[in-house]
Amino acid sequence: MRRICEVAAEIINVWKKPYFGAVPYLQAMLCLVDKNDKYGLDSAESIVQYFLGNANTFRGEDARRLKLELKELIK
């Protein structure tokens, strides 16, 4: 399994115009390794969930694959 930061980096490369509400969570994910990490007072799990909640406009085959990978990483 990849680290959360690696998935976030790929999302940044694929999603050329991310929704503004997803950007802070995407940036925070660049600092996370796994589901046990924290970013400030927020858990990695909550950051990933907030990202997914704000990533509705991230669509397509890559988006489905990357969102699924994030969900698996926080299980």
PDB file of N, CA and C in Angstrom:
ATOM      1  N   MET A   1       0.836  -1.195   0.000  1.00  0.00           N
ATOM      2  CA  MET A   1       0.000   0.000   0.000  1.00  0.00           C
ATOM      3  C   MET A   1       0.876   1.251   0.000  1.00  0.00           C
ATOM      4  N   ARG A   2       0.380   2.244  -0.698  1.00  0.00           N
ATOM      5  CA  ARG A   2       1.104   3.514  -0.742  1.00  0.00           C
ATOM      6  C   ARG A   2       0.767   4.361   0.476  1.00  0.00           C
ATOM      7  N   ARG A   3       1.570   5.380   0.686  1.00  0.00           N
ATOM      8  CA  ARG A   3       1.305   6.326   1.767  1.00  0.00           C
ATOM      9  C   ARG A   3       0.266   7.344   1.296  1.00  0.00           C
ATOM     10  N   ILE A   4      -0.429   7.950   2.238  1.00  0.00           N
ATOM     11  CA  ILE A   4      -1.446   8.958   1.911  1.00  0.00           C
ATOM     12  C   ILE A   4      -0.818  10.092   1.111  1.00  0.00           C
ATOM     13  N   CYS A   5       0.371  10.511   1.475  1.00  0.00           N
ATOM     14  CA  CYS A   5       1.026  11.617   0.767  1.00  0.00           C
ATOM     15  C   CYS A   5       1.309  11.266  -0.695  1.00  0.00           C
ATOM     16  N   GLU A   6       1.593  10.011  -0.972  1.00  0.00           N
ATOM     17  CA  GLU A   6       1.839   9.584  -2.354  1.00  0.00           C
ATOM     18  C   GLU A   6       0.558   9.628  -3.184  1.00  0.00           C
ATOM     19  N   VAL A   7      -0.545   9.221  -2.581  1.00  0.00           N
ATOM     20  CA  VAL A   7      -1.833   9.288  -3.279  1.00  0.00           C
ATOM     21  C   VAL A   7      -2.202  10.751  -3.528  1.00  0.00           C
ATOM     22  N   ALA A   8      -1.989  11.609  -2.517  1.00  0.00           N
ATOM     23  CA  ALA A   8      -2.286  13.038  -2.662  1.00  0.00           C
ATOM     24  C   ALA A   8      -1.466  13.658  -3.790  1.00  0.00           C
ATOM     25  N   ALA A   9      -0.212  13.299  -3.882  1.00  0.00           N
ATOM     26  CA  ALA A   9       0.643  13.832  -4.950  1.00  0.00           C
ATOM     27  C   ALA A   9       0.119  13.424  -6.323  1.00  0.00           C
ATOM     28  N   GLU A  10      -0.354  12.192  -6.440  1.00  0.00           N
ATOM     29  CA  GLU A  10      -0.915  11.759  -7.723  1.00  0.00           C
ATOM     30  C   GLU A  10      -2.208  12.509  -8.032  1.00  0.00           C
ATOM     31  N   ILE A  11      -3.022  12.736  -7.010  1.00  0.00           N
ATOM     32  CA  ILE A  11      -4.262  13.496  -7.221  1.00  0.00           C
ATOM     33  C   ILE A  11      -3.942  14.887  -7.746  1.00  0.00           C
ATOM     34  N   ILE A  12      -2.940  15.522  -7.177  1.00  0.00           N
ATOM     35  CA  ILE A  12      -2.543  16.860  -7.629  1.00  0.00           C
ATOM     36  C   ILE A  12      -2.118  16.827  -9.096  1.00  0.00           C
ATOM     37  N   ASN A  13      -1.425  15.773  -9.509  1.00  0.00           N
ATOM     38  CA  ASN A  13      -0.994  15.647 -10.910  1.00  0.00           C
ATOM     39  C   ASN A  13      -2.151  15.388 -11.860  1.00  0.00           C
ATOM     40  N   VAL A  14      -3.176  14.687 -11.384  1.00  0.00           N
ATOM     41  CA  VAL A  14      -4.290  14.281 -12.241  1.00  0.00           C
ATOM     42  C   VAL A  14      -5.407  15.327 -12.266  1.00  0.00           C
ATOM     43  N   TRP A  15      -5.732  15.894 -11.122  1.00  0.00           N
ATOM     44  CA  TRP A  15      -6.863  16.827 -10.986  1.00  0.00           C
ATOM     45  C   TRP A  15      -6.335  18.236 -11.207  1.00  0.00           C
ATOM     46  N   LYS A  16      -6.444  18.707 -12.417  1.00  0.00           N
ATOM     47  CA  LYS A  16      -5.816  19.970 -12.816  1.00  0.00           C
ATOM     48  C   LYS A  16      -6.462  21.201 -12.183  1.00  0.00           C
ATOM     49  N   LYS A  17      -7.769  21.188 -11.972  1.00  0.00           N
ATOM     50  CA  LYS A  17      -8.453  22.323 -11.352  1.00  0.00           C
ATOM     51  C   LYS A  17      -9.300  21.825 -10.181  1.00  0.00           C
ATOM     52  N   PRO A  18      -8.645  21.562  -9.041  1.00  0.00           N
ATOM     53  CA  PRO A  18      -9.390  21.018  -7.905  1.00  0.00           C
ATOM     54  C   PRO A  18     -10.382  22.027  -7.331  1.00  0.00           C
ATOM     55  N   TYR A  19     -11.463  21.494  -6.809  1.00  0.00           N
ATOM     56  CA  TYR A  19     -12.476  22.310  -6.136  1.00  0.00           C
ATOM     57  C   TYR A  19     -11.822  23.001  -4.948  1.00  0.00           C
ATOM     58  N   PHE A  20     -12.097  24.292  -4.768  1.00  0.00           N
ATOM     59  CA  PHE A  20     -11.420  25.076  -3.732  1.00  0.00           C
ATOM     60  C   PHE A  20     -11.622  24.499  -2.331  1.00  0.00           C
ATOM     61  N   GLY A  21     -12.765  23.863  -2.097  1.00  0.00           N
ATOM     62  CA  GLY A  21     -13.028  23.283  -0.783  1.00  0.00           C
ATOM     63  C   GLY A  21     -12.188  22.056  -0.492  1.00  0.00           C
ATOM     64  N   ALA A  22     -11.669  21.411  -1.530  1.00  0.00           N
ATOM     65  CA  ALA A  22     -10.852  20.213  -1.351  1.00  0.00           C
ATOM     66  C   ALA A  22      -9.372  20.541  -1.192  1.00  0.00           C
ATOM     67  N   VAL A  23      -8.960  21.713  -1.637  1.00  0.00           N
ATOM     68  CA  VAL A  23      -7.535  22.068  -1.668  1.00  0.00           C
ATOM     69  C   VAL A  23      -6.869  22.017  -0.289  1.00  0.00           C
ATOM     70  N   PRO A  24      -7.448  22.593   0.776  1.00  0.00           N
ATOM     71  CA  PRO A  24      -6.757  22.528   2.070  1.00  0.00           C
ATOM     72  C   PRO A  24      -6.537  21.092   2.558  1.00  0.00           C
ATOM     73  N   TYR A  25      -7.487  20.226   2.299  1.00  0.00           N
ATOM     74  CA  TYR A  25      -7.357  18.833   2.723  1.00  0.00           C
ATOM     75  C   TYR A  25      -6.350  18.098   1.859  1.00  0.00           C
ATOM     76  N   LEU A  26      -6.321  18.426   0.593  1.00  0.00           N
ATOM     77  CA  LEU A  26      -5.336  17.840  -0.315  1.00  0.00           C
ATOM     78  C   LEU A  26      -3.928  18.243   0.114  1.00  0.00           C
ATOM     79  N   GLN A  27      -3.750  19.505   0.470  1.00  0.00           N
ATOM     80  CA  GLN A  27      -2.443  19.977   0.943  1.00  0.00           C
ATOM     81  C   GLN A  27      -2.054  19.289   2.254  1.00  0.00           C
ATOM     82  N   ALA A  28      -3.019  19.124   3.153  1.00  0.00           N
ATOM     83  CA  ALA A  28      -2.743  18.454   4.427  1.00  0.00           C
ATOM     84  C   ALA A  28      -2.355  16.994   4.195  1.00  0.00           C
ATOM     85  N   MET A  29      -2.993  16.342   3.238  1.00  0.00           N
ATOM     86  CA  MET A  29      -2.683  14.938   2.968  1.00  0.00           C
ATOM     87  C   MET A  29      -1.250  14.747   2.493  1.00  0.00           C
ATOM     88  N   LEU A  30      -0.651  15.791   1.931  1.00  0.00           N
ATOM     89  CA  LEU A  30       0.748  15.698   1.508  1.00  0.00           C
ATOM     90  C   LEU A  30       1.686  15.495   2.690  1.00  0.00           C
ATOM     91  N   CYS A  31       1.209  15.767   3.898  1.00  0.00           N
ATOM     92  CA  CYS A  31       2.021  15.624   5.111  1.00  0.00           C
ATOM     93  C   CYS A  31       1.712  14.348   5.884  1.00  0.00           C
ATOM     94  N   LEU A  32       0.842  13.511   5.354  1.00  0.00           N
ATOM     95  CA  LEU A  32       0.404  12.317   6.079  1.00  0.00           C
ATOM     96  C   LEU A  32       0.997  11.050   5.484  1.00  0.00           C
ATOM     97  N   VAL A  33       1.357  10.127   6.364  1.00  0.00           N
ATOM     98  CA  VAL A  33       1.910   8.852   5.919  1.00  0.00           C
ATOM     99  C   VAL A  33       0.843   7.769   5.966  1.00  0.00           C
ATOM    100  N   ASP A  34       0.180   7.629   7.106  1.00  0.00           N
ATOM    101  CA  ASP A  34      -0.842   6.589   7.242  1.00  0.00           C
ATOM    102  C   ASP A  34      -1.991   7.083   8.119  1.00  0.00           C
ATOM    103  N   LYS A  35      -2.950   6.205   8.387  1.00  0.00           N
ATOM    104  CA  LYS A  35      -4.160   6.608   9.093  1.00  0.00           C
ATOM    105  C   LYS A  35      -3.905   6.974  10.548  1.00  0.00           C
ATOM    106  N   ASN A  36      -2.750   6.646  11.080  1.00  0.00           N
ATOM    107  CA  ASN A  36      -2.424   6.969  12.467  1.00  0.00           C
ATOM    108  C   ASN A  36      -1.798   8.347  12.629  1.00  0.00           C
ATOM    109  N   ASP A  37      -1.505   9.021  11.540  1.00  0.00           N
ATOM    110  CA  ASP A  37      -0.905  10.352  11.596  1.00  0.00           C
ATOM    111  C   ASP A  37      -1.924  11.409  11.984  1.00  0.00           C
ATOM    112  N   LYS A  38      -1.385  12.564  12.347  1.00  0.00           N
ATOM    113  CA  LYS A  38      -2.216  13.734  12.640  1.00  0.00           C
ATOM    114  C   LYS A  38      -1.650  14.921  11.871  1.00  0.00           C
ATOM    115  N   TYR A  39      -2.527  15.842  11.557  1.00  0.00           N
ATOM    116  CA  TYR A  39      -2.134  17.110  10.947  1.00  0.00           C
ATOM    117  C   TYR A  39      -2.733  18.171  11.847  1.00  0.00           C
ATOM    118  N   GLY A  40      -1.890  18.795  12.655  1.00  0.00           N
ATOM    119  CA  GLY A  40      -2.418  19.689  13.687  1.00  0.00           C
ATOM    120  C   GLY A  40      -3.198  18.853  14.689  1.00  0.00           C
ATOM    121  N   LEU A  41      -4.431  19.227  14.930  1.00  0.00           N
ATOM    122  CA  LEU A  41      -5.285  18.476  15.853  1.00  0.00           C
ATOM    123  C   LEU A  41      -6.181  17.474  15.136  1.00  0.00           C
ATOM    124  N   ASP A  42      -6.118  17.440  13.808  1.00  0.00           N
ATOM    125  CA  ASP A  42      -6.988  16.565  13.017  1.00  0.00           C
ATOM    126  C   ASP A  42      -6.320  15.224  12.727  1.00  0.00           C
ATOM    127  N   SER A  43      -7.105  14.178  12.792  1.00  0.00           N
ATOM    128  CA  SER A  43      -6.590  12.848  12.459  1.00  0.00           C
ATOM    129  C   SER A  43      -6.500  12.704  10.942  1.00  0.00           C
ATOM    130  N   ALA A  44      -5.650  11.801  10.507  1.00  0.00           N
ATOM    131  CA  ALA A  44      -5.530  11.523   9.077  1.00  0.00           C
ATOM    132  C   ALA A  44      -6.864  11.052   8.523  1.00  0.00           C
ATOM    133  N   GLU A  45      -7.564  10.243   9.306  1.00  0.00           N
ATOM    134  CA  GLU A  45      -8.859   9.732   8.859  1.00  0.00           C
ATOM    135  C   GLU A  45      -9.841  10.860   8.586  1.00  0.00           C
ATOM    136  N   SER A  46      -9.914  11.841   9.483  1.00  0.00           N
ATOM    137  CA  SER A  46     -10.865  12.940   9.273  1.00  0.00           C
ATOM    138  C   SER A  46     -10.457  13.812   8.092  1.00  0.00           C
ATOM    139  N   ILE A  47      -9.173  14.033   7.910  1.00  0.00           N
ATOM    140  CA  ILE A  47      -8.706  14.838   6.773  1.00  0.00           C
ATOM    141  C   ILE A  47      -9.066  14.157   5.459  1.00  0.00           C
ATOM    142  N   VAL A  48      -8.834  12.864   5.378  1.00  0.00           N
ATOM    143  CA  VAL A  48      -9.168  12.123   4.150  1.00  0.00           C
ATOM    144  C   VAL A  48     -10.682  12.154   3.925  1.00  0.00           C
ATOM    145  N   GLN A  49     -11.457  11.963   4.977  1.00  0.00           N
ATOM    146  CA  GLN A  49     -12.917  12.004   4.833  1.00  0.00           C
ATOM    147  C   GLN A  49     -13.396  13.381   4.391  1.00  0.00           C
ATOM    148  N   TYR A  50     -12.830  14.437   4.947  1.00  0.00           N
ATOM    149  CA  TYR A  50     -13.206  15.794   4.520  1.00  0.00           C
ATOM    150  C   TYR A  50     -12.811  16.025   3.064  1.00  0.00           C
ATOM    151  N   PHE A  51     -11.636  15.521   2.672  1.00  0.00           N
ATOM    152  CA  PHE A  51     -11.241  15.642   1.274  1.00  0.00           C
ATOM    153  C   PHE A  51     -12.256  14.954   0.378  1.00  0.00           C
ATOM    154  N   LEU A  52     -12.586  13.714   0.715  1.00  0.00           N
ATOM    155  CA  LEU A  52     -13.527  12.950  -0.108  1.00  0.00           C
ATOM    156  C   LEU A  52     -14.885  13.645  -0.182  1.00  0.00           C
ATOM    157  N   GLY A  53     -15.293  14.272   0.901  1.00  0.00           N
ATOM    158  CA  GLY A  53     -16.555  15.004   0.916  1.00  0.00           C
ATOM    159  C   GLY A  53     -16.539  16.240   0.033  1.00  0.00           C
ATOM    160  N   ASN A  54     -15.362  16.776  -0.229  1.00  0.00           N
ATOM    161  CA  ASN A  54     -15.223  17.966  -1.063  1.00  0.00           C
ATOM    162  C   ASN A  54     -14.701  17.662  -2.459  1.00  0.00           C
ATOM    163  N   ALA A  55     -14.598  16.389  -2.795  1.00  0.00           N
ATOM    164  CA  ALA A  55     -14.021  15.998  -4.083  1.00  0.00           C
ATOM    165  C   ALA A  55     -15.080  15.464  -5.046  1.00  0.00           C
ATOM    166  N   ASN A  56     -16.295  15.949  -4.944  1.00  0.00           N
ATOM    167  CA  ASN A  56     -17.372  15.473  -5.824  1.00  0.00           C
ATOM    168  C   ASN A  56     -17.120  15.799  -7.295  1.00  0.00           C
ATOM    169  N   THR A  57     -16.402  16.866  -7.559  1.00  0.00           N
ATOM    170  CA  THR A  57     -16.142  17.238  -8.953  1.00  0.00           C
ATOM    171  C   THR A  57     -14.908  16.529  -9.524  1.00  0.00           C
ATOM    172  N   PHE A  58     -14.224  15.755  -8.702  1.00  0.00           N
ATOM    173  CA  PHE A  58     -13.090  14.940  -9.149  1.00  0.00           C
ATOM    174  C   PHE A  58     -13.673  13.647  -9.695  1.00  0.00           C
ATOM    175  N   ARG A  59     -13.714  13.544 -11.024  1.00  0.00           N
ATOM    176  CA  ARG A  59     -14.412  12.439 -11.679  1.00  0.00           C
ATOM    177  C   ARG A  59     -13.526  11.738 -12.690  1.00  0.00           C
ATOM    178  N   GLY A  60     -13.985  10.581 -13.086  1.00  0.00           N
ATOM    179  CA  GLY A  60     -13.274   9.814 -14.101  1.00  0.00           C
ATOM    180  C   GLY A  60     -12.643   8.573 -13.505  1.00  0.00           C
ATOM    181  N   GLU A  61     -11.995   7.814 -14.367  1.00  0.00           N
ATOM    182  CA  GLU A  61     -11.389   6.548 -13.962  1.00  0.00           C
ATOM    183  C   GLU A  61     -10.312   6.743 -12.897  1.00  0.00           C
ATOM    184  N   ASP A  62      -9.420   7.720 -13.110  1.00  0.00           N
ATOM    185  CA  ASP A  62      -8.369   7.987 -12.122  1.00  0.00           C
ATOM    186  C   ASP A  62      -8.977   8.410 -10.790  1.00  0.00           C
ATOM    187  N   ALA A  63      -9.993   9.250 -10.833  1.00  0.00           N
ATOM    188  CA  ALA A  63     -10.629   9.726  -9.611  1.00  0.00           C
ATOM    189  C   ALA A  63     -11.234   8.572  -8.824  1.00  0.00           C
ATOM    190  N   ARG A  64     -11.941   7.697  -9.499  1.00  0.00           N
ATOM    191  CA  ARG A  64     -12.542   6.543  -8.817  1.00  0.00           C
ATOM    192  C   ARG A  64     -11.464   5.680  -8.166  1.00  0.00           C
ATOM    193  N   ARG A  65     -10.407   5.432  -8.903  1.00  0.00           N
ATOM    194  CA  ARG A  65      -9.318   4.595  -8.393  1.00  0.00           C
ATOM    195  C   ARG A  65      -8.639   5.229  -7.180  1.00  0.00           C
ATOM    196  N   LEU A  66      -8.350   6.524  -7.275  1.00  0.00           N
ATOM    197  CA  LEU A  66      -7.649   7.210  -6.194  1.00  0.00           C
ATOM    198  C   LEU A  66      -8.527   7.394  -4.958  1.00  0.00           C
ATOM    199  N   LYS A  67      -9.802   7.683  -5.149  1.00  0.00           N
ATOM    200  CA  LYS A  67     -10.715   7.794  -4.010  1.00  0.00           C
ATOM    201  C   LYS A  67     -10.850   6.455  -3.297  1.00  0.00           C
ATOM    202  N   LEU A  68     -10.946   5.388  -4.058  1.00  0.00           N
ATOM    203  CA  LEU A  68     -11.034   4.051  -3.466  1.00  0.00           C
ATOM    204  C   LEU A  68      -9.763   3.731  -2.678  1.00  0.00           C
ATOM    205  N   GLU A  69      -8.631   4.092  -3.237  1.00  0.00           N
ATOM    206  CA  GLU A  69      -7.364   3.856  -2.534  1.00  0.00           C
ATOM    207  C   GLU A  69      -7.312   4.612  -1.216  1.00  0.00           C
ATOM    208  N   LEU A  70      -7.771   5.864  -1.217  1.00  0.00           N
ATOM    209  CA  LEU A  70      -7.811   6.635   0.027  1.00  0.00           C
ATOM    210  C   LEU A  70      -8.724   5.982   1.048  1.00  0.00           C
ATOM    211  N   LYS A  71      -9.873   5.522   0.608  1.00  0.00           N
ATOM    212  CA  LYS A  71     -10.812   4.854   1.531  1.00  0.00           C
ATOM    213  C   LYS A  71     -10.179   3.610   2.134  1.00  0.00           C
ATOM    214  N   GLU A  72      -9.431   2.867   1.328  1.00  0.00           N
ATOM    215  CA  GLU A  72      -8.760   1.663   1.824  1.00  0.00           C
ATOM    216  C   GLU A  72      -7.666   2.022   2.838  1.00  0.00           C
ATOM    217  N   LEU A  73      -6.998   3.135   2.626  1.00  0.00           N
ATOM    218  CA  LEU A  73      -5.911   3.545   3.517  1.00  0.00           C
ATOM    219  C   LEU A  73      -6.396   3.947   4.898  1.00  0.00           C
ATOM    220  N   ILE A  74      -7.641   4.379   5.017  1.00  0.00           N
ATOM    221  CA  ILE A  74      -8.143   4.800   6.329  1.00  0.00           C
ATOM    222  C   ILE A  74      -9.042   3.763   6.987  1.00  0.00           C
ATOM    223  N   LYS A  75      -9.191   2.605   6.378  1.00  0.00           N
ATOM    224  CA  LYS A  75      -9.991   1.525   6.965  1.00  0.00           C
ATOM    225  C   LYS A  75      -9.452   1.104   8.292  1.00  0.00           C
TER     226      LYS A  75
END
